[in-house]
C-alpha atoms as a PDB file:
ATOM      1  CA  MET A   1      20.484  -2.760 -11.841  1.00  0.00           C
ATOM      2  CA  GLY A   2      18.523  -2.217  -8.620  1.00  0.00           C
ATOM      3  CA  TRP A   3      21.428  -0.774  -6.627  1.00  0.00           C
ATOM      4  CA  ARG A   4      19.314   0.930  -3.930  1.00  0.00           C
ATOM      5  CA  GLY A   5      17.221  -2.111  -3.202  1.00  0.00           C
ATOM      6  CA  ALA A   6      20.252  -4.431  -3.099  1.00  0.00           C
ATOM      7  CA  TRP A   7      22.402  -2.186  -0.937  1.00  0.00           C
ATOM      8  CA  CYS A   8      20.053  -1.224   1.894  1.00  0.00           C
ATOM      9  CA  THR A   9      22.141  -3.520   4.128  1.00  0.00           C
ATOM     10  CA  ARG A  10      25.814  -3.671   4.900  1.00  0.00           C
ATOM     11  CA  LEU A  11      27.947  -5.520   2.402  1.00  0.00           C
ATOM     12  CA  SER A  12      31.308  -7.141   2.972  1.00  0.00           C
ATOM     13  CA  LEU A  13      33.443  -6.888  -0.117  1.00  0.00           C
ATOM     14  CA  GLY A  14      36.540  -8.950  -0.757  1.00  0.00           C
ATOM     15  CA  LEU A  15      38.579  -8.780  -3.892  1.00  0.00           C
ATOM     16  CA  LEU A  16      35.608  -8.682  -6.274  1.00  0.00           C
ATOM     17  CA  LEU A  17      35.564  -4.867  -6.218  1.00  0.00           C
ATOM     18  CA  THR A  18      39.187  -3.862  -6.679  1.00  0.00           C
ATOM     19  CA  THR A  19      40.651  -0.385  -6.751  1.00  0.00           C
ATOM     20  CA  ALA A  20      42.111  -0.498 -10.188  1.00  0.00           C
ATOM     21  CA  TYR A  21      42.490   1.810 -13.145  1.00  0.00           C
ATOM     22  CA  ALA A  22      43.265   0.933 -16.706  1.00  0.00           C
ATOM     23  CA  GLN A  23      42.785   2.700 -19.986  1.00  0.00           C
ATOM     24  CA  THR A  24      40.876  -0.105 -21.729  1.00  0.00           C
ATOM     25  CA  ASN A  25      37.496  -0.287 -23.455  1.00  0.00           C
ATOM     26  CA  GLN A  26      35.676   1.783 -20.812  1.00  0.00           C
ATOM     27  CA  GLN A  27      32.014   1.647 -19.751  1.00  0.00           C
ATOM     28  CA  LEU A  28      30.158   3.593 -17.075  1.00  0.00           C
ATOM     29  CA  ILE A  29      28.002   2.309 -14.238  1.00  0.00           C
ATOM     30  CA  ILE A  30      25.189   4.600 -13.013  1.00  0.00           C
ATOM     31  CA  VAL A  31      24.404   4.532  -9.276  1.00  0.00           C
ATOM     32  CA  ASN A  32      21.049   5.893  -8.077  1.00  0.00           C
ATOM     33  CA  GLY A  33      20.678   7.793 -11.324  1.00  0.00           C
ATOM     34  CA  CYS A  34      23.787   9.853 -10.568  1.00  0.00           C
ATOM     35  CA  GLY A  35      26.990  10.373 -12.519  1.00  0.00           C
ATOM     36  CA  GLY A  36      28.755   7.442 -14.113  1.00  0.00           C
ATOM     37  CA  ILE A  37      31.647   5.527 -12.566  1.00  0.00           C
ATOM     38  CA  PRO A  38      34.209   4.025 -14.972  1.00  0.00           C
ATOM     39  CA  VAL A  39      34.036   0.256 -15.328  1.00  0.00           C
ATOM     40  CA  ILE A  40      37.286  -1.472 -16.261  1.00  0.00           C
ATOM     41  CA  GLN A  41      37.685  -5.044 -17.394  1.00  0.00           C
ATOM     42  CA  ILE A  42      40.561  -6.965 -15.831  1.00  0.00           C
ATOM     43  CA  ASN A  43      41.021 -10.601 -16.825  1.00  0.00           C
ATOM     44  CA  GLY A  44      37.492 -10.608 -18.229  1.00  0.00           C
ATOM     45  CA  ARG A  45      35.895  -9.270 -15.044  1.00  0.00           C
ATOM     46  CA  ASN A  46      34.237  -5.876 -14.549  1.00  0.00           C
ATOM     47  CA  THR A  47      35.794  -3.803 -11.766  1.00  0.00           C
ATOM     48  CA  VAL A  48      35.246  -0.282 -10.458  1.00  0.00           C
ATOM     49  CA  ASP A  49      37.048   2.176  -8.209  1.00  0.00           C
ATOM     50  CA  ILE A  50      35.511   1.249  -4.863  1.00  0.00           C
ATOM     51  CA  GLU A  51      36.035   4.721  -3.398  1.00  0.00           C
ATOM     52  CA  ALA A  52      34.134   6.274  -6.303  1.00  0.00           C
ATOM     53  CA  LEU A  53      31.411   3.670  -5.835  1.00  0.00           C
ATOM     54  CA  ALA A  54      31.040   4.443  -2.122  1.00  0.00           C
ATOM     55  CA  LYS A  55      30.870   8.163  -2.850  1.00  0.00           C
ATOM     56  CA  ALA A  56      28.205   7.754  -5.537  1.00  0.00           C
ATOM     57  CA  ALA A  57      26.098   5.579  -3.220  1.00  0.00           C
ATOM     58  CA  LYS A  58      26.565   8.043  -0.328  1.00  0.00           C
ATOM     59  CA  GLY A  59      28.196   5.265   1.683  1.00  0.00           C
ATOM     60  CA  SER A  60      31.403   4.805   3.642  1.00  0.00           C
ATOM     61  CA  LEU A  61      34.357   2.417   3.543  1.00  0.00           C
ATOM     62  CA  SER A  62      36.182   0.660   6.328  1.00  0.00           C
ATOM     63  CA  PHE A  63      39.149  -1.705   6.106  1.00  0.00           C
ATOM     64  CA  ASN A  64      39.732  -4.791   8.237  1.00  0.00           C
ATOM     65  CA  GLY A  65      42.628  -6.978   7.215  1.00  0.00           C
ATOM     66  CA  ASN A  66      41.941  -8.257   3.723  1.00  0.00           C
ATOM     67  CA  GLN A  67      38.290  -7.167   3.864  1.00  0.00           C
ATOM     68  CA  ILE A  68      36.811  -3.936   2.616  1.00  0.00           C
ATOM     69  CA  GLU A  69      33.431  -3.112   4.123  1.00  0.00           C
ATOM     70  CA  LEU A  70      31.058  -0.832   2.247  1.00  0.00           C
ATOM     71  CA  THR A  71      28.172   0.591   4.311  1.00  0.00           C
ATOM     72  CA  ILE A  72      25.196   2.130   2.523  1.00  0.00           C
ATOM     73  CA  PRO A  73      22.658   4.336   4.379  1.00  0.00           C
ATOM     74  CA  GLN A  74      19.063   3.248   4.797  1.00  0.00           C
ATOM     75  CA  CYS A  75      16.833   3.279   1.757  1.00  0.00           C
ATOM     76  CA  SER A  76      15.898   6.742   0.553  1.00  0.00           C
ATOM     77  CA  SER A  77      12.473   8.305   1.018  1.00  0.00           C
ATOM     78  CA  SER A  78      11.594   7.424  -2.570  1.00  0.00           C
ATOM     79  CA  ASP A  79      11.881   3.744  -1.657  1.00  0.00           C
ATOM     80  CA  SER A  80       9.613   4.275   1.367  1.00  0.00           C
ATOM     81  CA  THR A  81       7.103   6.061  -0.844  1.00  0.00           C
ATOM     82  CA  ALA A  82       7.094   3.138  -3.246  1.00  0.00           C
ATOM     83  CA  ASP A  83       6.234   0.841  -0.341  1.00  0.00           C
ATOM     84  CA  VAL A  84       3.069   2.783   0.582  1.00  0.00           C
ATOM     85  CA  LYS A  85       1.918   3.967  -2.840  1.00  0.00           C
ATOM     86  CA  PHE A  86      -1.113   2.263  -4.377  1.00  0.00           C
ATOM     87  CA  SER A  87      -0.872   0.912  -7.900  1.00  0.00           C
ATOM     88  CA  SER A  88      -3.138   2.728 -10.352  1.00  0.00           C
ATOM     89  CA  GLU A  89      -5.116  -0.427 -11.111  1.00  0.00           C
ATOM     90  CA  PHE A  90      -5.830  -1.167  -7.471  1.00  0.00           C
ATOM     91  CA  LEU A  91      -6.694   2.461  -6.763  1.00  0.00           C
ATOM     92  CA  ARG A  92      -9.342   2.441  -9.484  1.00  0.00           C
ATOM     93  CA  GLY A  93     -10.812  -0.788  -8.140  1.00  0.00           C
ATOM     94  CA  ALA A  94     -10.757   0.462  -4.552  1.00  0.00           C
ATOM     95  CA  ILE A  95     -12.604   3.654  -5.496  1.00  0.00           C
ATOM     96  CA  GLU A  96     -15.302   1.565  -7.208  1.00  0.00           C
ATOM     97  CA  ALA A  97     -15.575  -0.676  -4.159  1.00  0.00           C
ATOM     98  CA  MET A  98     -15.925   2.303  -1.818  1.00  0.00           C
ATOM     99  CA  SER A  99     -18.545   3.839  -4.109  1.00  0.00           C
ATOM    100  CA  THR A 100     -20.792   0.765  -3.922  1.00  0.00           C
ATOM    101  CA  LEU A 101     -20.313   0.554  -0.158  1.00  0.00           C
ATOM    102  CA  ARG A 102     -21.529   4.159   0.100  1.00  0.00           C
ATOM    103  CA  GLU A 103     -24.561   3.345  -2.059  1.00  0.00           C
ATOM    104  CA  TRP A 104     -25.359   0.415   0.207  1.00  0.00           C
ATOM    105  CA  HIS A 105     -25.054   2.599   3.303  1.00  0.00           C
ATOM    106  CA  THR A 106     -27.214   5.317   1.734  1.00  0.00           C
ATOM    107  CA  ALA A 107     -29.937   2.777   0.967  1.00  0.00           C
ATOM    108  CA  LEU A 108     -29.897   1.482   4.542  1.00  0.00           C
ATOM    109  CA  ALA A 109     -29.943   4.990   6.015  1.00  0.00           C
ATOM    110  CA  SER A 110     -32.801   6.074   3.734  1.00  0.00           C
ATOM    111  CA  ALA A 111     -34.924   3.101   4.759  1.00  0.00           C
ATOM    112  CA  ILE A 112     -34.376   3.753   8.473  1.00  0.00           C
ATOM    113  CA  GLU A 113     -34.904   7.516   8.289  1.00  0.00           C
ATOM    114  CA  ASN A 114     -38.119   7.157   6.288  1.00  0.00           C
ATOM    115  CA  GLY A 115     -39.533   4.301   8.337  1.00  0.00           C
ATOM    116  CA  TYR A 116     -39.385   1.782   5.477  1.00  0.00           C
ATOM    117  CA  PRO A 117     -38.955  -1.931   6.225  1.00  0.00           C
ATOM    118  CA  VAL A 118     -35.281  -2.892   6.415  1.00  0.00           C
ATOM    119  CA  THR A 119     -35.121  -6.290   4.741  1.00  0.00           C
ATOM    120  CA  GLN A 120     -32.348  -8.436   3.345  1.00  0.00           C
ATOM    121  CA  GLU A 121     -34.232  -8.673   0.037  1.00  0.00           C
ATOM    122  CA  GLY A 122     -34.432  -4.916  -0.272  1.00  0.00           C
ATOM    123  CA  LEU A 123     -30.696  -4.460   0.280  1.00  0.00           C
ATOM    124  CA  SER A 124     -29.358  -7.595  -1.427  1.00  0.00           C
ATOM    125  CA  HIS A 125     -28.681  -5.788  -4.705  1.00  0.00           C
ATOM    126  CA  TYR A 126     -26.430  -3.242  -2.971  1.00  0.00           C
ATOM    127  CA  GLN A 127     -24.634  -5.899  -0.976  1.00  0.00           C
ATOM    128  CA  GLY A 128     -24.095  -8.054  -4.072  1.00  0.00           C
ATOM    129  CA  GLN A 129     -22.557  -5.169  -6.018  1.00  0.00           C
ATOM    130  CA  ALA A 130     -20.361  -4.280  -3.072  1.00  0.00           C
ATOM    131  CA  VAL A 131     -19.054  -7.856  -2.889  1.00  0.00           C
ATOM    132  CA  THR A 132     -18.323  -7.907  -6.624  1.00  0.00           C
ATOM    133  CA  ASN A 133     -16.350  -4.672  -6.575  1.00  0.00           C
ATOM    134  CA  LEU A 134     -14.529  -5.647  -3.403  1.00  0.00           C
ATOM    135  CA  ARG A 135     -13.329  -8.903  -4.993  1.00  0.00           C
ATOM    136  CA  LEU A 136     -12.248  -7.074  -8.149  1.00  0.00           C
ATOM    137  CA  ALA A 137     -10.218  -4.620  -6.087  1.00  0.00           C
ATOM    138  CA  GLN A 138      -8.636  -7.433  -4.092  1.00  0.00           C
ATOM    139  CA  ALA A 139      -7.732  -9.283  -7.292  1.00  0.00           C
ATOM    140  CA  SER A 140      -5.964  -6.187  -8.660  1.00  0.00           C
ATOM    141  CA  ALA A 141      -3.770  -5.749  -5.559  1.00  0.00           C
ATOM    142  CA  SER A 142      -0.142  -6.159  -6.624  1.00  0.00           C
ATOM    143  CA  THR A 143       1.990  -4.126  -4.202  1.00  0.00           C
ATOM    144  CA  ASN A 144       2.473  -4.245  -0.449  1.00  0.00           C
ATOM    145  CA  ALA A 145       0.391  -1.077  -0.118  1.00  0.00           C
ATOM    146  CA  ASP A 146      -2.346  -2.611  -2.293  1.00  0.00           C
ATOM    147  CA  GLN A 147      -2.535  -5.688  -0.079  1.00  0.00           C
ATOM    148  CA  LYS A 148      -2.857  -3.582   3.062  1.00  0.00           C
ATOM    149  CA  GLY A 149      -5.480  -1.370   1.431  1.00  0.00           C
ATOM    150  CA  ALA A 150      -7.421  -4.440   0.300  1.00  0.00           C
ATOM    151  CA  HIS A 151      -7.438  -5.683   3.886  1.00  0.00           C
ATOM    152  CA  LEU A 152      -8.981  -2.421   5.092  1.00  0.00           C
ATOM    153  CA  LEU A 153     -11.567  -2.591   2.308  1.00  0.00           C
ATOM    154  CA  GLU A 154     -12.515  -6.085   3.490  1.00  0.00           C
ATOM    155  CA  ASN A 155     -12.853  -4.773   7.055  1.00  0.00           C
ATOM    156  CA  THR A 156     -15.084  -1.949   5.841  1.00  0.00           C
ATOM    157  CA  TYR A 157     -17.304  -4.372   3.970  1.00  0.00           C
ATOM    158  CA  GLN A 158     -17.649  -6.501   7.099  1.00  0.00           C
ATOM    159  CA  LYS A 159     -18.561  -3.425   9.143  1.00  0.00           C
ATOM    160  CA  MET A 160     -21.301  -2.546   6.641  1.00  0.00           C
ATOM    161  CA  LYS A 161     -22.602  -6.109   6.600  1.00  0.00           C
ATOM    162  CA  GLN A 162     -22.754  -6.259  10.397  1.00  0.00           C
ATOM    163  CA  LEU A 163     -24.602  -2.944  10.516  1.00  0.00           C
ATOM    164  CA  THR A 164     -27.116  -4.134   7.939  1.00  0.00           C
ATOM    165  CA  ASP A 165     -27.617  -7.505   9.619  1.00  0.00           C
ATOM    166  CA  LYS A 166     -28.330  -5.773  12.920  1.00  0.00           C
ATOM    167  CA  TYR A 167     -31.173  -3.674  11.518  1.00  0.00           C
ATOM    168  CA  VAL A 168     -32.551  -6.524   9.418  1.00  0.00           C
ATOM    169  CA  THR A 169     -32.694  -8.650  12.580  1.00  0.00           C
ATOM    170  CA  MET A 170     -34.397  -5.830  14.501  1.00  0.00           C
ATOM    171  CA  ARG A 171     -37.023  -5.628  11.773  1.00  0.00           C
ATOM    172  CA  GLU A 172     -37.553  -9.399  11.782  1.00  0.00           C
ATOM    173  CA  ASN A 173     -38.003  -9.310  15.558  1.00  0.00           C
ATOM    174  CA  MET A 174     -40.514  -6.474  15.182  1.00  0.00           C
ATOM    175  CA  ASN A 175     -38.342  -4.121  17.246  1.00  0.00           C
ATOM    176  CA  TYR A 176     -38.966  -0.422  16.864  1.00  0.00           C
ATOM    177  CA  VAL A 177     -36.276   1.454  14.934  1.00  0.00           C
ATOM    178  CA  ALA A 178     -36.297   5.212  15.401  1.00  0.00           C
ATOM    179  CA  PRO A 179     -35.662   7.370  12.301  1.00  0.00           C
ATOM    180  CA  GLU A 180     -32.560   8.824  13.969  1.00  0.00           C
ATOM    181  CA  ALA A 181     -31.245   5.419  15.075  1.00  0.00           C
ATOM    182  CA  LEU A 182     -28.113   5.556  12.911  1.00  0.00           C
ATOM    183  CA  GLN A 183     -27.073   8.926  14.293  1.00  0.00           C
ATOM    184  CA  ASN A 184     -26.556   7.424  17.745  1.00  0.00           C
ATOM    185  CA  ASP A 185     -25.234   4.071  16.574  1.00  0.00           C
ATOM    186  CA  THR A 186     -21.552   3.561  17.467  1.00  0.00           C
ATOM    187  CA  GLN A 187     -21.211   0.900  14.765  1.00  0.00           C
ATOM    188  CA  ASN A 188     -22.414   3.378  12.196  1.00  0.00           C
ATOM    189  CA  GLN A 189     -20.083   6.094  13.502  1.00  0.00           C
ATOM    190  CA  SER A 190     -17.134   3.710  13.255  1.00  0.00           C
ATOM    191  CA  LEU A 191     -18.102   2.817   9.691  1.00  0.00           C
ATOM    192  CA  ILE A 192     -18.350   6.475   8.677  1.00  0.00           C
ATOM    193  CA  ALA A 193     -14.962   7.263  10.242  1.00  0.00           C
ATOM    194  CA  CYS A 194     -13.418   4.354   8.366  1.00  0.00           C
ATOM    195  CA  GLY A 195     -14.988   5.528   5.123  1.00  0.00           C
ATOM    196  CA  LYS A 196     -13.467   8.976   5.587  1.00  0.00           C
ATOM    197  CA  ALA A 197     -10.052   7.429   6.235  1.00  0.00           C
ATOM    198  CA  LEU A 198     -10.290   5.346   3.064  1.00  0.00           C
ATOM    199  CA  GLY A 199     -11.375   8.421   1.119  1.00  0.00           C
ATOM    200  CA  ALA A 200      -8.302  10.304   2.328  1.00  0.00           C
ATOM    201  CA  MET A 201      -6.068   7.401   1.272  1.00  0.00           C
ATOM    202  CA  ALA A 202      -7.658   7.341  -2.168  1.00  0.00           C
ATOM    203  CA  ALA A 203      -7.110  11.080  -2.536  1.00  0.00           C
ATOM    204  CA  SER A 204      -3.423  10.787  -1.609  1.00  0.00           C
ATOM    205  CA  GLY A 205      -2.889   7.528  -3.477  1.00  0.00           C
ATOM    206  CA  GLN A 206      -0.998   6.127  -0.507  1.00  0.00           C
ATOM    207  CA  PHE A 207      -1.737   3.649   2.259  1.00  0.00           C
ATOM    208  CA  THR A 208      -2.006   4.933   5.819  1.00  0.00           C
ATOM    209  CA  ASP A 209      -3.047   2.512   8.521  1.00  0.00           C
ATOM    210  CA  ASP A 210      -6.103   3.759  10.398  1.00  0.00           C
ATOM    211  CA  GLY A 211      -7.490   2.219  13.555  1.00  0.00           C
ATOM    212  CA  THR A 212     -11.094   3.025  12.656  1.00  0.00           C
ATOM    213  CA  CYS A 213     -10.942   0.411   9.880  1.00  0.00           C
ATOM    214  CA  HIS A 214      -9.884  -2.409  12.198  1.00  0.00           C
END
């Protein structure tokens, strides 16, 4: 019945939840997967012992005139975990997207280190595959964590594109590119750091915001 999600705020209860007992056709309500609380029907309405309900939900009661106030603690750690955990479908797509980004980076690095011409035509295949897998991963994002992870993937793609465009432009302008150019390139270092952060997230299956991917 979604008790934890619905009761992560303070609720004011009037006469809907009444402290009443009756030996009628009895059902049990389960709170947070814990022991059952008897549910009694009075005049066709389901009621429970509010003190038992507060105890099961690890909450507290206070009384103010004709109001009974039930206070439930903040959501449990399992709820927080659900908010940062990647869905399995998105995680698979994200891993594929990261794999093609690495292939693209490897192709660029190999061309620079071996003194080959860095051209858009030569790298277009890698970029095209990276775009395809990125869009597939973004389309599979269904949770809050997925959406945040998809945003970082997009940022990583843009970093790789900017790095590639820079060296393609240098080639077109006939500028010399040293074989070790990437080793001293701050853009490249930022991209690598972001890639490591995304790899760690994939390994844990959970989103963790990382400044290197912004």
